[in-house]
Full PDB file with SEQRES, HELIX, SHEET, SSBOND, CRYST1, ORIGX, SCALE, CONECT and MASTER records, all heavy atoms in Angstrom:
SEQRES   1 A   34  PHE ARG VAL VAL GLN ASP PRO ASP THR LYS LEU PHE SER          
SEQRES   2 A   34  ALA GLN VAL TRP ASP MET PRO SER ASP LYS HIS PRO LYS          
SEQRES   3 A   34  PHE LYS GLY LEU LYS ALA GLY THR                              
SHEET    1 AA1 2 VAL A   3  GLN A   5  0                                        
SHEET    2 AA1 2 PHE A  12  ALA A  14 -1                                        
CRYST1    1.000    1.000    1.000  90.00  90.00  90.00 P 1           1          
ORIGX1      1.000000  0.000000  0.000000        0.00000                         
ORIGX2      0.000000  1.000000  0.000000        0.00000                         
ORIGX3      0.000000  0.000000  1.000000        0.00000                         
SCALE1      1.000000  0.000000  0.000000        0.00000                         
SCALE2      0.000000  1.000000  0.000000        0.00000                         
SCALE3      0.000000  0.000000  1.000000        0.00000                         
ATOM      1  N   PHE A   1      80.435 167.425 149.034  1.00  0.00           N  
ATOM      2  CA  PHE A   1      80.564 166.351 150.013  1.00  0.00           C  
ATOM      3  C   PHE A   1      82.010 165.869 150.183  1.00  0.00           C  
ATOM      4  O   PHE A   1      82.318 165.135 151.110  1.00  0.00           O  
ATOM      5  CB  PHE A   1      79.679 165.171 149.604  1.00  0.00           C  
ATOM      6  CG  PHE A   1      78.234 165.553 149.411  1.00  0.00           C  
ATOM      7  CD1 PHE A   1      77.612 165.399 148.179  1.00  0.00           C  
ATOM      8  CD2 PHE A   1      77.506 166.095 150.459  1.00  0.00           C  
ATOM      9  CE1 PHE A   1      76.285 165.756 148.003  1.00  0.00           C  
ATOM     10  CE2 PHE A   1      76.183 166.462 150.291  1.00  0.00           C  
ATOM     11  CZ  PHE A   1      75.575 166.289 149.052  1.00  0.00           C  
ATOM     12  N   ARG A   2      82.881 166.296 149.278  1.00  0.00           N  
ATOM     13  CA  ARG A   2      84.290 165.912 149.353  1.00  0.00           C  
ATOM     14  C   ARG A   2      85.113 167.074 148.808  1.00  0.00           C  
ATOM     15  O   ARG A   2      84.925 167.511 147.659  1.00  0.00           O  
ATOM     16  CB  ARG A   2      84.526 164.643 148.529  1.00  0.00           C  
ATOM     17  CG  ARG A   2      85.972 164.229 148.353  1.00  0.00           C  
ATOM     18  CD  ARG A   2      86.572 163.605 149.590  1.00  0.00           C  
ATOM     19  NE  ARG A   2      87.884 163.010 149.302  1.00  0.00           N  
ATOM     20  CZ  ARG A   2      88.757 162.657 150.232  1.00  0.00           C  
ATOM     21  NH1 ARG A   2      88.458 162.801 151.519  1.00  0.00           N  
ATOM     22  NH2 ARG A   2      89.929 162.144 149.910  1.00  0.00           N  
ATOM     23  N   VAL A   3      86.008 167.600 149.640  1.00  0.00           N  
ATOM     24  CA  VAL A   3      86.864 168.719 149.264  1.00  0.00           C  
ATOM     25  C   VAL A   3      88.290 168.363 149.669  1.00  0.00           C  
ATOM     26  O   VAL A   3      88.522 167.905 150.792  1.00  0.00           O  
ATOM     27  CB  VAL A   3      86.415 170.024 149.961  1.00  0.00           C  
ATOM     28  CG1 VAL A   3      87.370 171.165 149.646  1.00  0.00           C  
ATOM     29  CG2 VAL A   3      84.999 170.392 149.544  1.00  0.00           C  
ATOM     30  N   VAL A   4      89.237 168.557 148.751  1.00  0.00           N  
ATOM     31  CA  VAL A   4      90.627 168.176 149.021  1.00  0.00           C  
ATOM     32  C   VAL A   4      91.553 169.353 148.706  1.00  0.00           C  
ATOM     33  O   VAL A   4      91.232 170.220 147.900  1.00  0.00           O  
ATOM     34  CB  VAL A   4      91.045 166.940 148.198  1.00  0.00           C  
ATOM     35  CG1 VAL A   4      90.214 165.721 148.601  1.00  0.00           C  
ATOM     36  CG2 VAL A   4      90.896 167.203 146.709  1.00  0.00           C  
ATOM     37  N   GLN A   5      92.724 169.334 149.335  1.00  0.00           N  
ATOM     38  CA  GLN A   5      93.720 170.393 149.155  1.00  0.00           C  
ATOM     39  C   GLN A   5      94.889 169.879 148.336  1.00  0.00           C  
ATOM     40  O   GLN A   5      95.412 168.792 148.605  1.00  0.00           O  
ATOM     41  CB  GLN A   5      94.220 170.896 150.510  1.00  0.00           C  
ATOM     42  CG  GLN A   5      95.157 172.094 150.415  1.00  0.00           C  
ATOM     43  CD  GLN A   5      95.575 172.614 151.778  1.00  0.00           C  
ATOM     44  OE1 GLN A   5      95.588 171.869 152.756  1.00  0.00           O  
ATOM     45  NE2 GLN A   5      95.911 173.901 151.851  1.00  0.00           N  
ATOM     46  N   ASP A   6      95.296 170.661 147.323  1.00  0.00           N  
ATOM     47  CA  ASP A   6      96.460 170.311 146.525  1.00  0.00           C  
ATOM     48  C   ASP A   6      97.717 170.474 147.390  1.00  0.00           C  
ATOM     49  O   ASP A   6      97.932 171.542 147.967  1.00  0.00           O  
ATOM     50  CB  ASP A   6      96.543 171.228 145.295  1.00  0.00           C  
ATOM     51  CG  ASP A   6      97.650 170.815 144.343  1.00  0.00           C  
ATOM     52  OD1 ASP A   6      98.830 171.030 144.696  1.00  0.00           O  
ATOM     53  OD2 ASP A   6      97.338 170.295 143.266  1.00  0.00           O  
ATOM     54  N   PRO A   7      98.546 169.428 147.493  1.00  0.00           N  
ATOM     55  CA  PRO A   7      99.716 169.514 148.376  1.00  0.00           C  
ATOM     56  C   PRO A   7     100.742 170.551 147.931  1.00  0.00           C  
ATOM     57  O   PRO A   7     101.538 171.020 148.752  1.00  0.00           O  
ATOM     58  CB  PRO A   7     100.299 168.098 148.325  1.00  0.00           C  
ATOM     59  CG  PRO A   7      99.785 167.512 147.043  1.00  0.00           C  
ATOM     60  CD  PRO A   7      98.436 168.120 146.835  1.00  0.00           C  
ATOM     61  N   ASP A   8     100.728 170.907 146.660  1.00  0.00           N  
ATOM     62  CA  ASP A   8     101.712 171.861 146.148  1.00  0.00           C  
ATOM     63  C   ASP A   8     101.184 173.294 146.165  1.00  0.00           C  
ATOM     64  O   ASP A   8     101.802 174.193 146.737  1.00  0.00           O  
ATOM     65  CB  ASP A   8     102.139 171.467 144.734  1.00  0.00           C  
ATOM     66  CG  ASP A   8     102.816 170.104 144.691  1.00  0.00           C  
ATOM     67  OD1 ASP A   8     103.608 169.810 145.617  1.00  0.00           O  
ATOM     68  OD2 ASP A   8     102.550 169.334 143.751  1.00  0.00           O  
ATOM     69  N   THR A   9     100.021 173.528 145.531  1.00  0.00           N  
ATOM     70  CA  THR A   9      99.473 174.888 145.447  1.00  0.00           C  
ATOM     71  C   THR A   9      98.727 175.294 146.711  1.00  0.00           C  
ATOM     72  O   THR A   9      98.476 176.476 146.921  1.00  0.00           O  
ATOM     73  CB  THR A   9      98.505 174.995 144.263  1.00  0.00           C  
ATOM     74  OG1 THR A   9      97.345 174.170 144.519  1.00  0.00           O  
ATOM     75  CG2 THR A   9      99.165 174.542 142.968  1.00  0.00           C  
ATOM     76  N   LYS A  10      98.335 174.296 147.529  1.00  0.00           N  
ATOM     77  CA  LYS A  10      97.559 174.506 148.755  1.00  0.00           C  
ATOM     78  C   LYS A  10      96.129 174.967 148.480  1.00  0.00           C  
ATOM     79  O   LYS A  10      95.397 175.327 149.407  1.00  0.00           O  
ATOM     80  CB  LYS A  10      98.254 175.508 149.697  1.00  0.00           C  
ATOM     81  CG  LYS A  10      99.697 175.152 150.043  1.00  0.00           C  
ATOM     82  CD  LYS A  10      99.818 173.780 150.675  1.00  0.00           C  
ATOM     83  CE  LYS A  10     101.257 173.438 151.014  1.00  0.00           C  
ATOM     84  NZ  LYS A  10     101.409 172.055 151.537  1.00  0.00           N  
ATOM     85  N   LEU A  11      95.728 174.966 147.203  1.00  0.00           N  
ATOM     86  CA  LEU A  11      94.364 175.352 146.865  1.00  0.00           C  
ATOM     87  C   LEU A  11      93.422 174.165 147.065  1.00  0.00           C  
ATOM     88  O   LEU A  11      93.808 173.011 146.918  1.00  0.00           O  
ATOM     89  CB  LEU A  11      94.291 175.831 145.416  1.00  0.00           C  
ATOM     90  CG  LEU A  11      95.110 177.086 145.080  1.00  0.00           C  
ATOM     91  CD1 LEU A  11      95.000 177.397 143.592  1.00  0.00           C  
ATOM     92  CD2 LEU A  11      94.636 178.271 145.909  1.00  0.00           C  
ATOM     93  N   PHE A  12      92.172 174.479 147.374  1.00  0.00           N  
ATOM     94  CA  PHE A  12      91.164 173.447 147.597  1.00  0.00           C  
ATOM     95  C   PHE A  12      90.284 173.285 146.361  1.00  0.00           C  
ATOM     96  O   PHE A  12      89.995 174.256 145.662  1.00  0.00           O  
ATOM     97  CB  PHE A  12      90.285 173.805 148.797  1.00  0.00           C  
ATOM     98  CG  PHE A  12      90.955 173.623 150.123  1.00  0.00           C  
ATOM     99  CD1 PHE A  12      91.820 174.594 150.624  1.00  0.00           C  
ATOM    100  CD2 PHE A  12      90.732 172.485 150.886  1.00  0.00           C  
ATOM    101  CE1 PHE A  12      92.432 174.440 151.851  1.00  0.00           C  
ATOM    102  CE2 PHE A  12      91.342 172.317 152.123  1.00  0.00           C  
ATOM    103  CZ  PHE A  12      92.191 173.292 152.601  1.00  0.00           C  
ATOM    104  N   SER A  13      89.844 172.066 146.115  1.00  0.00           N  
ATOM    105  CA  SER A  13      88.906 171.760 145.036  1.00  0.00           C  
ATOM    106  C   SER A  13      87.891 170.744 145.535  1.00  0.00           C  
ATOM    107  O   SER A  13      88.165 169.970 146.462  1.00  0.00           O  
ATOM    108  CB  SER A  13      89.630 171.171 143.818  1.00  0.00           C  
ATOM    109  OG  SER A  13      90.576 172.058 143.280  1.00  0.00           O  
ATOM    110  N   ALA A  14      86.710 170.754 144.925  1.00  0.00           N  
ATOM    111  CA  ALA A  14      85.761 169.676 145.171  1.00  0.00           C  
ATOM    112  C   ALA A  14      86.240 168.439 144.431  1.00  0.00           C  
ATOM    113  O   ALA A  14      87.022 168.524 143.477  1.00  0.00           O  
ATOM    114  CB  ALA A  14      84.368 170.084 144.699  1.00  0.00           C  
ATOM    115  N   GLN A  15      85.769 167.281 144.862  1.00  0.00           N  
ATOM    116  CA  GLN A  15      86.156 166.030 144.229  1.00  0.00           C  
ATOM    117  C   GLN A  15      84.915 165.195 143.948  1.00  0.00           C  
ATOM    118  O   GLN A  15      84.040 165.058 144.808  1.00  0.00           O  
ATOM    119  CB  GLN A  15      87.127 165.245 145.116  1.00  0.00           C  
ATOM    120  CG  GLN A  15      87.766 164.048 144.442  1.00  0.00           C  
ATOM    121  CD  GLN A  15      88.896 163.453 145.266  1.00  0.00           C  
ATOM    122  OE1 GLN A  15      88.922 163.560 146.485  1.00  0.00           O  
ATOM    123  NE2 GLN A  15      89.847 162.828 144.609  1.00  0.00           N  
ATOM    124  N   VAL A  16      84.833 164.680 142.724  1.00  0.00           N  
ATOM    125  CA  VAL A  16      83.738 163.773 142.375  1.00  0.00           C  
ATOM    126  C   VAL A  16      83.853 162.549 143.276  1.00  0.00           C  
ATOM    127  O   VAL A  16      84.902 161.885 143.302  1.00  0.00           O  
ATOM    128  CB  VAL A  16      83.818 163.368 140.881  1.00  0.00           C  
ATOM    129  CG1 VAL A  16      82.683 162.404 140.551  1.00  0.00           C  
ATOM    130  CG2 VAL A  16      83.762 164.605 139.988  1.00  0.00           C  
ATOM    131  N   TRP A  17      82.778 162.249 143.998  1.00  0.00           N  
ATOM    132  CA  TRP A  17      82.886 161.177 144.994  1.00  0.00           C  
ATOM    133  C   TRP A  17      81.555 160.440 145.121  1.00  0.00           C  
ATOM    134  O   TRP A  17      80.508 161.059 145.301  1.00  0.00           O  
ATOM    135  CB  TRP A  17      83.274 161.758 146.353  1.00  0.00           C  
ATOM    136  CG  TRP A  17      83.904 160.751 147.272  1.00  0.00           C  
ATOM    137  CD1 TRP A  17      83.286 160.003 148.231  1.00  0.00           C  
ATOM    138  CD2 TRP A  17      85.279 160.374 147.290  1.00  0.00           C  
ATOM    139  NE1 TRP A  17      84.188 159.186 148.852  1.00  0.00           N  
ATOM    140  CE2 TRP A  17      85.433 159.399 148.301  1.00  0.00           C  
ATOM    141  CE3 TRP A  17      86.405 160.778 146.561  1.00  0.00           C  
ATOM    142  CZ2 TRP A  17      86.664 158.809 148.586  1.00  0.00           C  
ATOM    143  CZ3 TRP A  17      87.630 160.190 146.842  1.00  0.00           C  
ATOM    144  CH2 TRP A  17      87.747 159.222 147.844  1.00  0.00           C  
ATOM    145  N   ASP A  18      81.617 159.137 145.034  1.00  0.00           N  
ATOM    146  CA  ASP A  18      80.466 158.294 145.352  1.00  0.00           C  
ATOM    147  C   ASP A  18      80.388 158.194 146.865  1.00  0.00           C  
ATOM    148  O   ASP A  18      81.184 157.475 147.477  1.00  0.00           O  
ATOM    149  CB  ASP A  18      80.627 156.899 144.740  1.00  0.00           C  
ATOM    150  CG  ASP A  18      79.813 156.729 143.480  1.00  0.00           C  
ATOM    151  OD1 ASP A  18      78.693 157.268 143.437  1.00  0.00           O  
ATOM    152  OD2 ASP A  18      80.284 156.059 142.546  1.00  0.00           O  
ATOM    153  N   MET A  19      79.468 158.913 147.478  1.00  0.00           N  
ATOM    154  CA  MET A  19      79.399 158.922 148.941  1.00  0.00           C  
ATOM    155  C   MET A  19      79.094 157.535 149.479  1.00  0.00           C  
ATOM    156  O   MET A  19      78.372 156.752 148.858  1.00  0.00           O  
ATOM    157  CB  MET A  19      78.325 159.896 149.409  1.00  0.00           C  
ATOM    158  CG  MET A  19      78.743 161.342 149.307  1.00  0.00           C  
ATOM    159  SD  MET A  19      80.135 161.737 150.387  1.00  0.00           S  
ATOM    160  CE  MET A  19      79.347 161.615 151.994  1.00  0.00           C  
ATOM    161  N   PRO A  20      79.650 157.207 150.673  1.00  0.00           N  
ATOM    162  CA  PRO A  20      79.364 155.898 151.270  1.00  0.00           C  
ATOM    163  C   PRO A  20      77.884 155.754 151.576  1.00  0.00           C  
ATOM    164  O   PRO A  20      77.168 156.737 151.801  1.00  0.00           O  
ATOM    165  CB  PRO A  20      80.205 155.894 152.551  1.00  0.00           C  
ATOM    166  CG  PRO A  20      80.468 157.338 152.841  1.00  0.00           C  
ATOM    167  CD  PRO A  20      80.539 158.015 151.510  1.00  0.00           C  
ATOM    168  N   SER A  21      77.423 154.514 151.579  1.00  0.00           N  
ATOM    169  CA  SER A  21      76.022 154.247 151.868  1.00  0.00           C  
ATOM    170  C   SER A  21      75.694 154.656 153.291  1.00  0.00           C  
ATOM    171  O   SER A  21      76.523 154.557 154.198  1.00  0.00           O  
ATOM    172  CB  SER A  21      75.726 152.758 151.680  1.00  0.00           C  
ATOM    173  OG  SER A  21      74.477 152.427 152.225  1.00  0.00           O  
ATOM    174  N   ASP A  22      74.459 155.155 153.499  1.00  0.00           N  
ATOM    175  CA  ASP A  22      74.049 155.498 154.862  1.00  0.00           C  
ATOM    176  C   ASP A  22      73.382 154.306 155.543  1.00  0.00           C  
ATOM    177  O   ASP A  22      72.676 154.446 156.537  1.00  0.00           O  
ATOM    178  CB  ASP A  22      73.116 156.708 154.865  1.00  0.00           C  
ATOM    179  CG  ASP A  22      71.811 156.462 154.111  1.00  0.00           C  
ATOM    180  OD1 ASP A  22      71.651 155.356 153.565  1.00  0.00           O  
ATOM    181  OD2 ASP A  22      70.968 157.360 154.077  1.00  0.00           O  
ATOM    182  N   LYS A  23      73.619 153.107 155.003  1.00  0.00           N  
ATOM    183  CA  LYS A  23      73.038 151.895 155.578  1.00  0.00           C  
ATOM    184  C   LYS A  23      73.932 151.296 156.656  1.00  0.00           C  
ATOM    185  O   LYS A  23      73.947 150.092 156.871  1.00  0.00           O  
ATOM    186  CB  LYS A  23      72.791 150.848 154.467  1.00  0.00           C  
ATOM    187  CG  LYS A  23      71.906 151.329 153.327  1.00  0.00           C  
ATOM    188  CD  LYS A  23      70.520 151.748 153.807  1.00  0.00           C  
ATOM    189  CE  LYS A  23      69.648 152.180 152.635  1.00  0.00           C  
ATOM    190  NZ  LYS A  23      68.328 152.692 153.085  1.00  0.00           N  
ATOM    191  N   HIS A  24      74.709 152.142 157.325  1.00  0.00           N  
ATOM    192  CA  HIS A  24      75.578 151.655 158.386  1.00  0.00           C  
ATOM    193  C   HIS A  24      74.725 151.219 159.577  1.00  0.00           C  
ATOM    194  O   HIS A  24      73.559 151.597 159.711  1.00  0.00           O  
ATOM    195  CB  HIS A  24      76.568 152.742 158.810  1.00  0.00           C  
ATOM    196  CG  HIS A  24      75.956 154.100 158.931  1.00  0.00           C  
ATOM    197  ND1 HIS A  24      75.072 154.421 159.931  1.00  0.00           N  
ATOM    198  CD2 HIS A  24      76.069 155.197 158.165  1.00  0.00           C  
ATOM    199  CE1 HIS A  24      74.676 155.668 159.775  1.00  0.00           C  
ATOM    200  NE2 HIS A  24      75.265 156.165 158.707  1.00  0.00           N  
ATOM    201  N   PRO A  25      75.283 150.407 160.467  1.00  0.00           N  
ATOM    202  CA  PRO A  25      74.512 149.938 161.627  1.00  0.00           C  
ATOM    203  C   PRO A  25      73.969 151.103 162.435  1.00  0.00           C  
ATOM    204  O   PRO A  25      74.688 152.051 162.741  1.00  0.00           O  
ATOM    205  CB  PRO A  25      75.548 149.133 162.435  1.00  0.00           C  
ATOM    206  CG  PRO A  25      76.611 148.764 161.449  1.00  0.00           C  
ATOM    207  CD  PRO A  25      76.658 149.880 160.446  1.00  0.00           C  
ATOM    208  N   LYS A  26      72.688 151.039 162.755  1.00  0.00           N  
ATOM    209  CA  LYS A  26      72.067 152.123 163.509  1.00  0.00           C  
ATOM    210  C   LYS A  26      72.353 151.954 164.995  1.00  0.00           C  
ATOM    211  O   LYS A  26      72.270 150.857 165.545  1.00  0.00           O  
ATOM    212  CB  LYS A  26      70.552 152.147 163.268  1.00  0.00           C  
ATOM    213  CG  LYS A  26      70.156 152.513 161.843  1.00  0.00           C  
ATOM    214  CD  LYS A  26      70.591 153.924 161.472  1.00  0.00           C  
ATOM    215  CE  LYS A  26      70.166 154.293 160.056  1.00  0.00           C  
ATOM    216  NZ  LYS A  26      70.665 155.616 159.659  1.00  0.00           N  
ATOM    217  N   PHE A  27      72.728 153.052 165.623  1.00  0.00           N  
ATOM    218  CA  PHE A  27      73.003 153.079 167.049  1.00  0.00           C  
ATOM    219  C   PHE A  27      71.818 153.754 167.717  1.00  0.00           C  
ATOM    220  O   PHE A  27      71.509 154.906 167.415  1.00  0.00           O  
ATOM    221  CB  PHE A  27      74.303 153.850 167.311  1.00  0.00           C  
ATOM    222  CG  PHE A  27      74.735 153.850 168.750  1.00  0.00           C  
ATOM    223  CD1 PHE A  27      75.196 152.689 169.349  1.00  0.00           C  
ATOM    224  CD2 PHE A  27      74.704 155.016 169.496  1.00  0.00           C  
ATOM    225  CE1 PHE A  27      75.615 152.682 170.676  1.00  0.00           C  
ATOM    226  CE2 PHE A  27      75.119 155.027 170.820  1.00  0.00           C  
ATOM    227  CZ  PHE A  27      75.572 153.856 171.412  1.00  0.00           C  
ATOM    228  N   LYS A  28      71.135 153.049 168.601  1.00  0.00           N  
ATOM    229  CA  LYS A  28      69.921 153.580 169.204  1.00  0.00           C  
ATOM    230  C   LYS A  28      70.211 154.675 170.222  1.00  0.00           C  
ATOM    231  O   LYS A  28      69.309 155.391 170.648  1.00  0.00           O  
ATOM    232  CB  LYS A  28      69.124 152.452 169.850  1.00  0.00           C  
ATOM    233  CG  LYS A  28      68.586 151.435 168.839  1.00  0.00           C  
ATOM    234  CD  LYS A  28      67.763 150.366 169.520  1.00  0.00           C  
ATOM    235  CE  LYS A  28      67.227 149.370 168.498  1.00  0.00           C  
ATOM    236  NZ  LYS A  28      66.427 148.289 169.141  1.00  0.00           N  
ATOM    237  N   GLY A  29      71.457 154.795 170.592  1.00  0.00           N  
ATOM    238  CA  GLY A  29      71.815 155.805 171.577  1.00  0.00           C  
ATOM    239  C   GLY A  29      71.978 155.197 172.960  1.00  0.00           C  
ATOM    240  O   GLY A  29      71.635 154.042 173.204  1.00  0.00           O  
ATOM    241  N   LEU A  30      72.503 155.975 173.867  1.00  0.00           N  
ATOM    242  CA  LEU A  30      72.668 155.521 175.236  1.00  0.00           C  
ATOM    243  C   LEU A  30      71.309 155.441 175.926  1.00  0.00           C  
ATOM    244  O   LEU A  30      70.360 156.130 175.561  1.00  0.00           O  
ATOM    245  CB  LEU A  30      73.576 156.495 175.992  1.00  0.00           C  
ATOM    246  CG  LEU A  30      74.961 156.734 175.374  1.00  0.00           C  
ATOM    247  CD1 LEU A  30      75.699 157.813 176.159  1.00  0.00           C  
ATOM    248  CD2 LEU A  30      75.769 155.453 175.326  1.00  0.00           C  
ATOM    249  N   LYS A  31      71.209 154.581 176.909  1.00  0.00           N  
ATOM    250  CA  LYS A  31      69.957 154.456 177.646  1.00  0.00           C  
ATOM    251  C   LYS A  31      69.628 155.779 178.323  1.00  0.00           C  
ATOM    252  O   LYS A  31      70.509 156.481 178.819  1.00  0.00           O  
ATOM    253  CB  LYS A  31      70.067 153.341 178.680  1.00  0.00           C  
ATOM    254  CG  LYS A  31      70.143 151.932 178.080  1.00  0.00           C  
ATOM    255  CD  LYS A  31      70.170 150.875 179.175  1.00  0.00           C  
ATOM    256  CE  LYS A  31      70.221 149.476 178.557  1.00  0.00           C  
ATOM    257  NZ  LYS A  31      70.264 148.422 179.606  1.00  0.00           N  
ATOM    258  N   ALA A  32      68.345 156.096 178.339  1.00  0.00           N  
ATOM    259  CA  ALA A  32      67.899 157.349 178.947  1.00  0.00           C  
ATOM    260  C   ALA A  32      68.382 157.429 180.391  1.00  0.00           C  
ATOM    261  O   ALA A  32      68.283 156.458 181.147  1.00  0.00           O  
ATOM    262  CB  ALA A  32      66.380 157.449 178.881  1.00  0.00           C  
ATOM    263  N   GLY A  33      68.904 158.580 180.751  1.00  0.00           N  
ATOM    264  CA  GLY A  33      69.368 158.778 182.110  1.00  0.00           C  
ATOM    265  C   GLY A  33      70.798 158.359 182.359  1.00  0.00           C  
ATOM    266  O   GLY A  33      71.331 158.553 183.458  1.00  0.00           O  
ATOM    267  N   THR A  34      71.445 157.759 181.327  1.00  0.00           N  
ATOM    268  CA  THR A  34      72.834 157.340 181.481  1.00  0.00           C  
ATOM    269  C   THR A  34      73.738 158.566 181.584  1.00  0.00           C  
ATOM    270  O   THR A  34      73.690 159.442 180.727  1.00  0.00           O  
ATOM    271  CB  THR A  34      73.285 156.484 180.287  1.00  0.00           C  
ATOM    272  OG1 THR A  34      72.442 155.334 180.182  1.00  0.00           O  
ATOM    273  CG2 THR A  34      74.732 156.033 180.454  1.00  0.00           C  
TER     274      THR A  34                                                      
MASTER        0    0    0    0    2    0    0    6  273    1    0    3          
END                                                                             
């Protein structure tokens, strides 16, 4: 869920990460036909 690149070696690694909550405000979407 999180991958970063070393600025010196340019190699990528995974990173231990507490993912953000998915309790963000829900967007119902645009009105039908918009």
